[in-house]
C-alpha atoms as a PDB file:
ATOM      1  CA  UNK A   1      27.103 -45.301  58.462  1.00  0.00           C
ATOM      2  CA  UNK A   2      28.116 -43.755  55.135  1.00  0.00           C
ATOM      3  CA  UNK A   3      30.647 -40.860  55.111  1.00  0.00           C
ATOM      4  CA  UNK A   4      29.172 -37.400  54.313  1.00  0.00           C
ATOM      5  CA  UNK A   5      30.814 -35.378  51.616  1.00  0.00           C
ATOM      6  CA  UNK A   6      32.094 -31.964  52.669  1.00  0.00           C
ATOM      7  CA  UNK A   7      29.648 -29.126  51.920  1.00  0.00           C
ATOM      8  CA  UNK A   8      30.664 -26.716  49.124  1.00  0.00           C
ATOM      9  CA  UNK A   9      31.541 -23.318  50.507  1.00  0.00           C
ATOM     10  CA  UNK A  10      29.815 -20.417  48.968  1.00  0.00           C
ATOM     11  CA  UNK A  11      32.464 -18.158  47.356  1.00  0.00           C
ATOM     12  CA  UNK A  12      30.160 -15.193  46.534  1.00  0.00           C
ATOM     13  CA  UNK A  13      27.012 -13.465  47.632  1.00  0.00           C
ATOM     14  CA  UNK A  14      25.044 -15.301  45.000  1.00  0.00           C
ATOM     15  CA  UNK A  15      22.700 -18.001  46.227  1.00  0.00           C
ATOM     16  CA  UNK A  16      24.404 -21.419  45.727  1.00  0.00           C
ATOM     17  CA  UNK A  17      21.830 -22.523  43.052  1.00  0.00           C
ATOM     18  CA  UNK A  18      22.875 -19.511  40.926  1.00  0.00           C
ATOM     19  CA  UNK A  19      26.536 -19.904  41.666  1.00  0.00           C
ATOM     20  CA  UNK A  20      26.630 -23.525  40.717  1.00  0.00           C
ATOM     21  CA  UNK A  21      24.925 -22.872  37.385  1.00  0.00           C
ATOM     22  CA  UNK A  22      27.194 -19.899  36.793  1.00  0.00           C
ATOM     23  CA  UNK A  23      24.272 -17.673  36.158  1.00  0.00           C
ATOM     24  CA  UNK A  24      24.958 -13.935  36.024  1.00  0.00           C
ATOM     25  CA  UNK A  25      23.038 -11.719  38.489  1.00  0.00           C
ATOM     26  CA  UNK A  26      20.748  -9.312  36.702  1.00  0.00           C
ATOM     27  CA  UNK A  27      21.312  -5.577  37.277  1.00  0.00           C
ATOM     28  CA  UNK A  28      18.852  -4.051  39.749  1.00  0.00           C
ATOM     29  CA  UNK A  29      15.874  -2.155  38.492  1.00  0.00           C
ATOM     30  CA  UNK A  30      17.219   1.040  40.023  1.00  0.00           C
ATOM     31  CA  UNK A  31      20.524   0.555  38.164  1.00  0.00           C
ATOM     32  CA  UNK A  32      18.714   0.240  34.818  1.00  0.00           C
ATOM     33  CA  UNK A  33      16.535   3.219  35.672  1.00  0.00           C
ATOM     34  CA  UNK A  34      19.655   5.261  36.307  1.00  0.00           C
ATOM     35  CA  UNK A  35      21.019   4.159  32.914  1.00  0.00           C
ATOM     36  CA  UNK A  36      17.782   5.289  31.299  1.00  0.00           C
ATOM     37  CA  UNK A  37      17.939   8.597  33.111  1.00  0.00           C
ATOM     38  CA  UNK A  38      21.469   9.088  31.734  1.00  0.00           C
ATOM     39  CA  UNK A  39      20.411   8.027  28.301  1.00  0.00           C
ATOM     40  CA  UNK A  40      17.546  10.593  28.284  1.00  0.00           C
ATOM     41  CA  UNK A  41      19.916  13.336  29.476  1.00  0.00           C
ATOM     42  CA  UNK A  42      22.310  12.513  26.541  1.00  0.00           C
ATOM     43  CA  UNK A  43      19.652  11.884  23.843  1.00  0.00           C
ATOM     44  CA  UNK A  44      16.629  13.904  24.977  1.00  0.00           C
ATOM     45  CA  UNK A  45      14.242  10.955  24.956  1.00  0.00           C
ATOM     46  CA  UNK A  46      13.614   7.521  26.514  1.00  0.00           C
ATOM     47  CA  UNK A  47      13.184   5.611  23.216  1.00  0.00           C
ATOM     48  CA  UNK A  48      15.987   3.052  23.590  1.00  0.00           C
ATOM     49  CA  UNK A  49      16.054   0.539  20.819  1.00  0.00           C
ATOM     50  CA  UNK A  50      16.638  -3.096  21.844  1.00  0.00           C
ATOM     51  CA  UNK A  51      18.414  -3.560  18.481  1.00  0.00           C
ATOM     52  CA  UNK A  52      20.995  -0.859  19.051  1.00  0.00           C
ATOM     53  CA  UNK A  53      24.229  -2.753  19.886  1.00  0.00           C
ATOM     54  CA  UNK A  54      25.494   0.031  22.203  1.00  0.00           C
ATOM     55  CA  UNK A  55      22.291   0.107  24.282  1.00  0.00           C
ATOM     56  CA  UNK A  56      21.003  -3.409  23.702  1.00  0.00           C
ATOM     57  CA  UNK A  57      20.556  -4.467  27.446  1.00  0.00           C
ATOM     58  CA  UNK A  58      18.965  -1.158  28.263  1.00  0.00           C
ATOM     59  CA  UNK A  59      16.673  -1.378  25.242  1.00  0.00           C
ATOM     60  CA  UNK A  60      15.544  -4.847  26.259  1.00  0.00           C
ATOM     61  CA  UNK A  61      14.894  -3.578  29.795  1.00  0.00           C
ATOM     62  CA  UNK A  62      12.874  -0.628  28.422  1.00  0.00           C
ATOM     63  CA  UNK A  63      10.855  -3.010  26.263  1.00  0.00           C
ATOM     64  CA  UNK A  64      10.255  -5.265  29.254  1.00  0.00           C
ATOM     65  CA  UNK A  65       8.915  -2.332  31.299  1.00  0.00           C
ATOM     66  CA  UNK A  66       6.394  -1.687  28.503  1.00  0.00           C
ATOM     67  CA  UNK A  67       5.340  -5.372  28.504  1.00  0.00           C
ATOM     68  CA  UNK A  68       4.939  -5.399  32.358  1.00  0.00           C
ATOM     69  CA  UNK A  69       2.867  -2.241  32.114  1.00  0.00           C
ATOM     70  CA  UNK A  70       0.634  -3.720  29.473  1.00  0.00           C
ATOM     71  CA  UNK A  71       0.098  -6.843  31.736  1.00  0.00           C
ATOM     72  CA  UNK A  72      -0.660  -4.484  34.655  1.00  0.00           C
ATOM     73  CA  UNK A  73       2.198  -6.104  36.695  1.00  0.00           C
ATOM     74  CA  UNK A  74       4.492  -3.116  37.030  1.00  0.00           C
ATOM     75  CA  UNK A  75       4.233  -1.440  40.473  1.00  0.00           C
ATOM     76  CA  UNK A  76       2.723   2.027  40.787  1.00  0.00           C
ATOM     77  CA  UNK A  77       5.992   3.438  42.221  1.00  0.00           C
ATOM     78  CA  UNK A  78       7.986   2.202  39.160  1.00  0.00           C
ATOM     79  CA  UNK A  79       5.332   3.611  36.821  1.00  0.00           C
ATOM     80  CA  UNK A  80       5.567   6.921  38.610  1.00  0.00           C
ATOM     81  CA  UNK A  81       9.365   6.914  38.386  1.00  0.00           C
ATOM     82  CA  UNK A  82       9.284   6.189  34.691  1.00  0.00           C
ATOM     83  CA  UNK A  83       6.556   8.877  34.038  1.00  0.00           C
ATOM     84  CA  UNK A  84       8.717  11.405  35.892  1.00  0.00           C
ATOM     85  CA  UNK A  85      11.359  11.271  33.132  1.00  0.00           C
ATOM     86  CA  UNK A  86       8.885  11.187  30.238  1.00  0.00           C
ATOM     87  CA  UNK A  87       8.775   7.493  29.517  1.00  0.00           C
ATOM     88  CA  UNK A  88       6.566   6.623  26.591  1.00  0.00           C
ATOM     89  CA  UNK A  89       4.476   3.521  27.236  1.00  0.00           C
ATOM     90  CA  UNK A  90       3.025   2.898  23.764  1.00  0.00           C
ATOM     91  CA  UNK A  91       5.027   4.458  20.983  1.00  0.00           C
ATOM     92  CA  UNK A  92       2.589   3.717  18.171  1.00  0.00           C
ATOM     93  CA  UNK A  93      -0.416   4.968  20.174  1.00  0.00           C
ATOM     94  CA  UNK A  94       1.177   8.118  21.419  1.00  0.00           C
ATOM     95  CA  UNK A  95      -0.512  11.149  19.844  1.00  0.00           C
ATOM     96  CA  UNK A  96       1.522  13.970  21.392  1.00  0.00           C
ATOM     97  CA  UNK A  97       2.939  16.298  18.858  1.00  0.00           C
ATOM     98  CA  UNK A  98       6.398  16.016  20.443  1.00  0.00           C
ATOM     99  CA  UNK A  99       6.451  12.229  20.533  1.00  0.00           C
ATOM    100  CA  UNK A 100       4.482  11.308  17.394  1.00  0.00           C
ATOM    101  CA  UNK A 101       5.884   8.509  15.193  1.00  0.00           C
ATOM    102  CA  UNK A 102       7.377  11.169  12.835  1.00  0.00           C
ATOM    103  CA  UNK A 103       9.217  12.615  15.791  1.00  0.00           C
ATOM    104  CA  UNK A 104      10.583   9.194  16.707  1.00  0.00           C
ATOM    105  CA  UNK A 105      11.746   8.687  13.095  1.00  0.00           C
ATOM    106  CA  UNK A 106      13.438  12.078  13.169  1.00  0.00           C
ATOM    107  CA  UNK A 107      15.223  11.174  16.389  1.00  0.00           C
ATOM    108  CA  UNK A 108      16.565   7.948  14.958  1.00  0.00           C
ATOM    109  CA  UNK A 109      17.531   9.713  11.670  1.00  0.00           C
ATOM    110  CA  UNK A 110      19.521  12.222  13.788  1.00  0.00           C
ATOM    111  CA  UNK A 111      21.264   9.441  15.640  1.00  0.00           C
ATOM    112  CA  UNK A 112      22.150   7.826  12.370  1.00  0.00           C
ATOM    113  CA  UNK A 113      23.602  11.077  11.007  1.00  0.00           C
ATOM    114  CA  UNK A 114      25.742  11.431  14.205  1.00  0.00           C
ATOM    115  CA  UNK A 115      27.076   7.935  13.649  1.00  0.00           C
END
């Protein structure tokens, strides 16, 4: 009978298949939502750019939420949470005076001037 090799012990809470591939665990939805909440408190809006080096991971997450919403695969509770902080689902289509494309441009110009 062939000898069995000893089983590898799991050194973290990650599933073995993630640990073996050295894959990073993604932050939870709630953690990213908290980051967005903080971003809005600081900047006054939820328009996080995925191209802004400082907020790139959050910007990608925000964009992903919009994509999931468009595909109708984002849960109602998450939509409700995002709506509660003034999340804008479609920037180009938004016709509110406060969040019109000119307003978005002015926000970004202000951020550039602060830089």
